[in-house]
Amino acid sequence: MDVLFDFFISLWVAFKAFVVDTLYLLFDTLLTTVETVINAIPVPDIVTSFDPWSWVNPQAAYVLDALNIALVLGILFAGYTIRFALNLIPAAFTRV
């Protein structure tokens, strides 16, 4: 009797694994389809040829790139944006 019970338990575990794998396959197929549709949209040439540091002389551009100034400015902008957004929430809801 114990062997029959173990057989049905292993059958149930295999069925659950099959269902999970099938759902994963469907989700992966959906994401692959979305990726294919997005990749089919052409990117304009102005986006690929845009160089934001083209107006700076080469020596200064090298220093700015070495110091990661663009990343620093992005982090500061994100920080200030989050701070200003959080200041819109009234203090009664944020302080207990």
C-alpha atoms as a PDB file:
ATOM      1  CA  MET A   1       0.000   0.000   0.000  1.00  0.00           C
ATOM      2  CA  ASP A   2       2.866   2.353   0.794  1.00  0.00           C
ATOM      3  CA  VAL A   3       4.376   1.777  -2.658  1.00  0.00           C
ATOM      4  CA  LEU A   4       1.096   2.718  -4.345  1.00  0.00           C
ATOM      5  CA  PHE A   5       0.832   5.873  -2.234  1.00  0.00           C
ATOM      6  CA  ASP A   6       4.429   6.877  -3.112  1.00  0.00           C
ATOM      7  CA  PHE A   7       3.656   6.257  -6.785  1.00  0.00           C
ATOM      8  CA  PHE A   8       0.700   8.652  -6.717  1.00  0.00           C
ATOM      9  CA  ILE A   9       2.711  11.261  -4.799  1.00  0.00           C
ATOM     10  CA  SER A  10       5.492  11.121  -7.384  1.00  0.00           C
ATOM     11  CA  LEU A  11       2.884  11.267 -10.154  1.00  0.00           C
ATOM     12  CA  TRP A  12       1.362  14.393  -8.558  1.00  0.00           C
ATOM     13  CA  VAL A  13       4.791  16.032  -8.203  1.00  0.00           C
ATOM     14  CA  ALA A  14       5.545  15.282 -11.858  1.00  0.00           C
ATOM     15  CA  PHE A  15       2.178  16.736 -12.913  1.00  0.00           C
ATOM     16  CA  LYS A  16       2.809  19.953 -10.926  1.00  0.00           C
ATOM     17  CA  ALA A  17       6.248  20.273 -12.539  1.00  0.00           C
ATOM     18  CA  PHE A  18       4.659  19.787 -15.964  1.00  0.00           C
ATOM     19  CA  VAL A  19       2.082  22.523 -15.309  1.00  0.00           C
ATOM     20  CA  VAL A  20       4.726  24.941 -14.033  1.00  0.00           C
ATOM     21  CA  ASP A  21       6.962  24.244 -17.031  1.00  0.00           C
ATOM     22  CA  THR A  22       4.036  24.727 -19.420  1.00  0.00           C
ATOM     23  CA  LEU A  23       3.144  28.072 -17.843  1.00  0.00           C
ATOM     24  CA  TYR A  24       6.793  29.130 -17.993  1.00  0.00           C
ATOM     25  CA  LEU A  25       6.902  28.182 -21.673  1.00  0.00           C
ATOM     26  CA  LEU A  26       3.778  30.235 -22.410  1.00  0.00           C
ATOM     27  CA  PHE A  27       5.150  33.236 -20.513  1.00  0.00           C
ATOM     28  CA  ASP A  28       8.508  32.935 -22.281  1.00  0.00           C
ATOM     29  CA  THR A  29       6.745  32.754 -25.640  1.00  0.00           C
ATOM     30  CA  LEU A  30       4.757  35.890 -24.793  1.00  0.00           C
ATOM     31  CA  LEU A  31       7.899  37.796 -23.802  1.00  0.00           C
ATOM     32  CA  THR A  32       9.717  36.611 -26.935  1.00  0.00           C
ATOM     33  CA  THR A  33       6.824  37.856 -29.052  1.00  0.00           C
ATOM     34  CA  VAL A  34       6.872  41.253 -27.329  1.00  0.00           C
ATOM     35  CA  GLU A  35      10.644  41.460 -27.810  1.00  0.00           C
ATOM     36  CA  THR A  36      10.296  40.639 -31.506  1.00  0.00           C
ATOM     37  CA  VAL A  37       7.648  43.333 -31.971  1.00  0.00           C
ATOM     38  CA  ILE A  38       9.749  45.933 -30.161  1.00  0.00           C
ATOM     39  CA  ASN A  39      12.860  45.026 -32.147  1.00  0.00           C
ATOM     40  CA  ALA A  40      10.891  45.403 -35.381  1.00  0.00           C
ATOM     41  CA  ILE A  41      10.351  49.118 -34.696  1.00  0.00           C
ATOM     42  CA  PRO A  42      13.073  51.041 -36.526  1.00  0.00           C
ATOM     43  CA  VAL A  43      15.265  53.418 -34.519  1.00  0.00           C
ATOM     44  CA  PRO A  44      15.739  56.848 -36.104  1.00  0.00           C
ATOM     45  CA  ASP A  45      19.262  57.768 -37.182  1.00  0.00           C
ATOM     46  CA  ILE A  46      19.330  60.832 -34.959  1.00  0.00           C
ATOM     47  CA  VAL A  47      19.105  58.630 -31.875  1.00  0.00           C
ATOM     48  CA  THR A  48      22.036  56.442 -32.852  1.00  0.00           C
ATOM     49  CA  SER A  49      24.250  59.317 -34.030  1.00  0.00           C
ATOM     50  CA  PHE A  50      23.606  61.636 -31.066  1.00  0.00           C
ATOM     51  CA  ASP A  51      26.770  62.569 -29.168  1.00  0.00           C
ATOM     52  CA  PRO A  52      26.035  64.798 -26.163  1.00  0.00           C
ATOM     53  CA  TRP A  53      29.701  65.704 -25.592  1.00  0.00           C
ATOM     54  CA  SER A  54      30.494  66.689 -29.190  1.00  0.00           C
ATOM     55  CA  TRP A  55      30.668  70.407 -28.330  1.00  0.00           C
ATOM     56  CA  VAL A  56      33.422  69.847 -25.729  1.00  0.00           C
ATOM     57  CA  ASN A  57      37.066  69.759 -26.800  1.00  0.00           C
ATOM     58  CA  PRO A  58      38.647  66.259 -26.729  1.00  0.00           C
ATOM     59  CA  GLN A  59      40.772  66.790 -23.602  1.00  0.00           C
ATOM     60  CA  ALA A  60      37.849  67.987 -21.530  1.00  0.00           C
ATOM     61  CA  ALA A  61      35.655  65.205 -22.917  1.00  0.00           C
ATOM     62  CA  TYR A  62      38.277  62.655 -21.821  1.00  0.00           C
ATOM     63  CA  VAL A  63      38.309  64.070 -18.274  1.00  0.00           C
ATOM     64  CA  LEU A  64      34.509  64.173 -18.116  1.00  0.00           C
ATOM     65  CA  ASP A  65      34.346  60.577 -19.319  1.00  0.00           C
ATOM     66  CA  ALA A  66      37.040  59.428 -16.897  1.00  0.00           C
ATOM     67  CA  LEU A  67      35.202  61.034 -13.978  1.00  0.00           C
ATOM     68  CA  ASN A  68      31.842  59.634 -15.115  1.00  0.00           C
ATOM     69  CA  ILE A  69      30.240  63.051 -14.981  1.00  0.00           C
ATOM     70  CA  ALA A  70      27.223  61.885 -16.981  1.00  0.00           C
ATOM     71  CA  LEU A  71      26.537  59.146 -14.415  1.00  0.00           C
ATOM     72  CA  VAL A  72      26.973  61.583 -11.536  1.00  0.00           C
ATOM     73  CA  LEU A  73      24.529  64.033 -13.103  1.00  0.00           C
ATOM     74  CA  GLY A  74      22.037  61.201 -13.660  1.00  0.00           C
ATOM     75  CA  ILE A  75      22.275  60.080 -10.044  1.00  0.00           C
ATOM     76  CA  LEU A  76      21.859  63.651  -8.758  1.00  0.00           C
ATOM     77  CA  PHE A  77      18.871  64.244 -11.034  1.00  0.00           C
ATOM     78  CA  ALA A  78      17.220  60.995  -9.882  1.00  0.00           C
ATOM     79  CA  GLY A  79      17.874  61.838  -6.229  1.00  0.00           C
ATOM     80  CA  TYR A  80      16.398  65.320  -6.485  1.00  0.00           C
ATOM     81  CA  THR A  81      13.414  64.001  -8.448  1.00  0.00           C
ATOM     82  CA  ILE A  82      12.672  61.420  -5.757  1.00  0.00           C
ATOM     83  CA  ARG A  83      13.109  64.025  -3.021  1.00  0.00           C
ATOM     84  CA  PHE A  84      10.750  66.485  -4.685  1.00  0.00           C
ATOM     85  CA  ALA A  85       8.209  63.732  -5.331  1.00  0.00           C
ATOM     86  CA  LEU A  86       8.321  62.627  -1.698  1.00  0.00           C
ATOM     87  CA  ASN A  87       7.870  66.219  -0.530  1.00  0.00           C
ATOM     88  CA  LEU A  88       4.488  66.216  -2.243  1.00  0.00           C
ATOM     89  CA  ILE A  89       3.247  63.670   0.296  1.00  0.00           C
ATOM     90  CA  PRO A  90       1.846  65.438   3.373  1.00  0.00           C
ATOM     91  CA  ALA A  91       3.883  65.040   6.567  1.00  0.00           C
ATOM     92  CA  ALA A  92       0.892  63.523   8.383  1.00  0.00           C
ATOM     93  CA  PHE A  93       1.200  60.391   6.278  1.00  0.00           C
ATOM     94  CA  THR A  94       4.965  60.008   6.474  1.00  0.00           C
ATOM     95  CA  ARG A  95       5.694  60.667  10.160  1.00  0.00           C
ATOM     96  CA  VAL A  96       4.206  58.414  12.800  1.00  0.00           C
END
